[in-house]
Amino acid sequence: MPNRKQLIDKIKSLPEDEVDEIADFVEFIETREKGHSALAEYGMDDYLSQLSDYEELLAAGKIECR
């Protein structure tokens, strides 16, 4: 398991869009730790765009449905 500095170094090396995902995840963890149920809402704002991306990859034959 990486320590805090190793984790920060890894985050610094990521592309900006992946840093945004990490920020979303950290926010989810903070909310969960406060006792709120955020699981149903977590990531839902991007759900349709993610679904569209998935459908395009599937249609292009880049991924398979199993």
C-alpha atoms as a PDB file:
ATOM      1  CA  MET A   1       0.000   0.000   0.000  1.00  0.00           C
ATOM      2  CA  PRO A   2       1.461   3.356  -0.989  1.00  0.00           C
ATOM      3  CA  ASN A   3       2.075   6.002   1.626  1.00  0.00           C
ATOM      4  CA  ARG A   4       0.639   9.513   1.337  1.00  0.00           C
ATOM      5  CA  LYS A   5       3.649  10.963  -0.534  1.00  0.00           C
ATOM      6  CA  GLN A   6       3.731   8.067  -3.036  1.00  0.00           C
ATOM      7  CA  LEU A   7       0.027   8.487  -3.661  1.00  0.00           C
ATOM      8  CA  ILE A   8       0.384  12.236  -4.179  1.00  0.00           C
ATOM      9  CA  ASP A   9       3.247  11.631  -6.620  1.00  0.00           C
ATOM     10  CA  LYS A  10       1.097   9.176  -8.577  1.00  0.00           C
ATOM     11  CA  ILE A  11      -1.782  11.652  -8.720  1.00  0.00           C
ATOM     12  CA  LYS A  12       0.577  14.403  -9.945  1.00  0.00           C
ATOM     13  CA  SER A  13       1.603  12.186 -12.861  1.00  0.00           C
ATOM     14  CA  LEU A  14      -1.974  11.573 -14.076  1.00  0.00           C
ATOM     15  CA  PRO A  15      -3.711  13.406 -16.925  1.00  0.00           C
ATOM     16  CA  GLU A  16      -6.136  16.118 -15.781  1.00  0.00           C
ATOM     17  CA  ASP A  17      -9.292  14.125 -16.627  1.00  0.00           C
ATOM     18  CA  GLU A  18      -8.151  11.284 -14.373  1.00  0.00           C
ATOM     19  CA  VAL A  19      -7.371  13.750 -11.585  1.00  0.00           C
ATOM     20  CA  ASP A  20     -11.009  14.881 -11.864  1.00  0.00           C
ATOM     21  CA  GLU A  21     -12.109  11.274 -11.320  1.00  0.00           C
ATOM     22  CA  ILE A  22      -9.921  11.020  -8.243  1.00  0.00           C
ATOM     23  CA  ALA A  23     -11.396  14.256  -6.907  1.00  0.00           C
ATOM     24  CA  ASP A  24     -14.882  12.764  -7.374  1.00  0.00           C
ATOM     25  CA  PHE A  25     -13.823   9.627  -5.522  1.00  0.00           C
ATOM     26  CA  VAL A  26     -12.300  11.598  -2.649  1.00  0.00           C
ATOM     27  CA  GLU A  27     -15.514  13.606  -2.371  1.00  0.00           C
ATOM     28  CA  PHE A  28     -17.476  10.345  -2.269  1.00  0.00           C
ATOM     29  CA  ILE A  29     -15.276   9.003   0.532  1.00  0.00           C
ATOM     30  CA  GLU A  30     -15.633  12.231   2.516  1.00  0.00           C
ATOM     31  CA  THR A  31     -19.411  12.092   2.160  1.00  0.00           C
ATOM     32  CA  ARG A  32     -19.515   8.415   3.114  1.00  0.00           C
ATOM     33  CA  GLU A  33     -17.389   9.081   6.177  1.00  0.00           C
ATOM     34  CA  LYS A  34     -19.867  11.740   7.302  1.00  0.00           C
ATOM     35  CA  GLY A  35     -22.554   9.088   7.388  1.00  0.00           C
ATOM     36  CA  HIS A  36     -24.441  10.175   4.279  1.00  0.00           C
ATOM     37  CA  SER A  37     -25.516   7.715   1.664  1.00  0.00           C
ATOM     38  CA  ALA A  38     -23.990   9.140  -1.503  1.00  0.00           C
ATOM     39  CA  LEU A  39     -23.666   5.867  -3.386  1.00  0.00           C
ATOM     40  CA  ALA A  40     -26.852   6.390  -5.400  1.00  0.00           C
ATOM     41  CA  GLU A  41     -25.729   9.853  -6.475  1.00  0.00           C
ATOM     42  CA  TYR A  42     -22.024   9.158  -6.973  1.00  0.00           C
ATOM     43  CA  GLY A  43     -21.083   9.549 -10.611  1.00  0.00           C
ATOM     44  CA  MET A  44     -24.642   9.920 -11.860  1.00  0.00           C
ATOM     45  CA  ASP A  45     -23.952  13.291 -13.464  1.00  0.00           C
ATOM     46  CA  ASP A  46     -21.610  11.554 -15.907  1.00  0.00           C
ATOM     47  CA  TYR A  47     -23.724   8.426 -16.324  1.00  0.00           C
ATOM     48  CA  LEU A  48     -25.225   9.259 -19.717  1.00  0.00           C
ATOM     49  CA  SER A  49     -21.927  10.374 -21.241  1.00  0.00           C
ATOM     50  CA  GLN A  50     -20.232   7.236 -19.902  1.00  0.00           C
ATOM     51  CA  LEU A  51     -23.048   5.122 -21.329  1.00  0.00           C
ATOM     52  CA  SER A  52     -22.664   6.811 -24.712  1.00  0.00           C
ATOM     53  CA  ASP A  53     -18.899   6.200 -24.656  1.00  0.00           C
ATOM     54  CA  TYR A  54     -19.507   2.549 -23.787  1.00  0.00           C
ATOM     55  CA  GLU A  55     -22.020   2.133 -26.621  1.00  0.00           C
ATOM     56  CA  GLU A  56     -19.589   3.666 -29.110  1.00  0.00           C
ATOM     57  CA  LEU A  57     -16.779   1.344 -28.013  1.00  0.00           C
ATOM     58  CA  LEU A  58     -19.137  -1.617 -28.220  1.00  0.00           C
ATOM     59  CA  ALA A  59     -20.354  -0.618 -31.701  1.00  0.00           C
ATOM     60  CA  ALA A  60     -16.777  -0.139 -32.906  1.00  0.00           C
ATOM     61  CA  GLY A  61     -15.885  -3.637 -31.733  1.00  0.00           C
ATOM     62  CA  LYS A  62     -13.281  -2.340 -29.290  1.00  0.00           C
ATOM     63  CA  ILE A  63     -14.973  -4.103 -26.390  1.00  0.00           C
ATOM     64  CA  GLU A  64     -17.247  -7.120 -26.085  1.00  0.00           C
ATOM     65  CA  CYS A  65     -20.333  -7.683 -24.042  1.00  0.00           C
ATOM     66  CA  ARG A  66     -20.051 -10.928 -22.063  1.00  0.00           C
END
